[in-house]
C-alpha atoms as a PDB file:
ATOM      1  CA  MET A   1     -14.841  -5.216  -3.870  1.00  0.00           C
ATOM      2  CA  LEU A   2     -14.155  -5.996  -0.201  1.00  0.00           C
ATOM      3  CA  ILE A   3     -12.257  -3.374   1.789  1.00  0.00           C
ATOM      4  CA  ASP A   4     -10.862  -4.835   5.028  1.00  0.00           C
ATOM      5  CA  HIS A   5      -9.872  -2.586   7.903  1.00  0.00           C
ATOM      6  CA  LEU A   6      -9.008  -2.920  11.580  1.00  0.00           C
ATOM      7  CA  ARG A   7     -12.576  -3.040  12.788  1.00  0.00           C
ATOM      8  CA  GLY A   8     -14.204  -5.095  10.043  1.00  0.00           C
ATOM      9  CA  GLY A   9     -14.804  -4.599   6.384  1.00  0.00           C
ATOM     10  CA  VAL A  10     -17.002  -3.000   3.781  1.00  0.00           C
ATOM     11  CA  PHE A  11     -18.244  -4.519   0.547  1.00  0.00           C
ATOM     12  CA  LEU A  12     -18.415  -1.970  -2.262  1.00  0.00           C
ATOM     13  CA  GLU A  13     -20.656  -2.529  -5.254  1.00  0.00           C
ATOM     14  CA  ASP A  14     -21.077   0.945  -6.717  1.00  0.00           C
ATOM     15  CA  PRO A  15     -18.790   1.170  -9.782  1.00  0.00           C
ATOM     16  CA  GLU A  16     -17.683   4.699  -8.807  1.00  0.00           C
ATOM     17  CA  ASP A  17     -16.623   3.520  -5.350  1.00  0.00           C
ATOM     18  CA  VAL A  18     -14.801   0.500  -6.775  1.00  0.00           C
ATOM     19  CA  GLU A  19     -12.989   2.691  -9.309  1.00  0.00           C
ATOM     20  CA  ALA A  20     -11.927   5.194  -6.625  1.00  0.00           C
ATOM     21  CA  PHE A  21     -10.418   2.472  -4.444  1.00  0.00           C
ATOM     22  CA  ALA A  22      -8.828   0.733  -7.431  1.00  0.00           C
ATOM     23  CA  MET A  23      -7.153   3.994  -8.433  1.00  0.00           C
ATOM     24  CA  ALA A  24      -5.912   4.559  -4.884  1.00  0.00           C
ATOM     25  CA  TYR A  25      -4.532   1.012  -4.740  1.00  0.00           C
ATOM     26  CA  ASP A  26      -2.767   1.480  -8.082  1.00  0.00           C
ATOM     27  CA  ALA A  27      -1.187   4.727  -6.859  1.00  0.00           C
ATOM     28  CA  VAL A  28       0.168   3.008  -3.747  1.00  0.00           C
ATOM     29  CA  ALA A  29       1.428   0.044  -5.788  1.00  0.00           C
ATOM     30  CA  ASP A  30       3.177   2.404  -8.226  1.00  0.00           C
ATOM     31  CA  ALA A  31       4.886   4.243  -5.347  1.00  0.00           C
ATOM     32  CA  ALA A  32       6.050   1.056  -3.603  1.00  0.00           C
ATOM     33  CA  LEU A  33       9.667  -0.043  -3.758  1.00  0.00           C
ATOM     34  CA  ASP A  34      10.561  -3.310  -5.432  1.00  0.00           C
ATOM     35  CA  VAL A  35      11.578  -6.294  -3.283  1.00  0.00           C
ATOM     36  CA  ASP A  36      15.332  -5.634  -3.360  1.00  0.00           C
ATOM     37  CA  ALA A  37      14.981  -1.928  -2.602  1.00  0.00           C
ATOM     38  CA  SER A  38      12.556  -2.721   0.238  1.00  0.00           C
ATOM     39  CA  ARG A  39      15.009  -5.180   1.771  1.00  0.00           C
ATOM     40  CA  GLU A  40      17.822  -2.647   1.514  1.00  0.00           C
ATOM     41  CA  MET A  41      15.707   0.074   3.126  1.00  0.00           C
ATOM     42  CA  ILE A  42      14.702  -2.217   6.002  1.00  0.00           C
ATOM     43  CA  LYS A  43      18.313  -3.343   6.478  1.00  0.00           C
ATOM     44  CA  ASN A  44      19.499   0.274   6.595  1.00  0.00           C
ATOM     45  CA  TYR A  45      16.755   1.179   9.055  1.00  0.00           C
ATOM     46  CA  LEU A  46      17.683  -1.683  11.371  1.00  0.00           C
ATOM     47  CA  GLU A  47      21.343  -0.597  11.220  1.00  0.00           C
ATOM     48  CA  GLY A  48      20.341   2.940  12.206  1.00  0.00           C
ATOM     49  CA  LYS A  49      20.946   4.392   8.769  1.00  0.00           C
ATOM     50  CA  THR A  50      18.229   6.698   7.512  1.00  0.00           C
ATOM     51  CA  ARG A  51      17.654   8.771   4.426  1.00  0.00           C
ATOM     52  CA  ASP A  52      17.196  12.502   4.846  1.00  0.00           C
END
């Protein structure tokens, strides 16, 4: 698994490391908004509307 970052990248081979990053990625993907909700949130932000 290749992990890219601002100053380069790291190639992970250890199964425990790969699993940890895969779980973190899945958690972020699960928390992400869908396309329509993302567009709406960006539109509201650009119009100065924010959620409290």
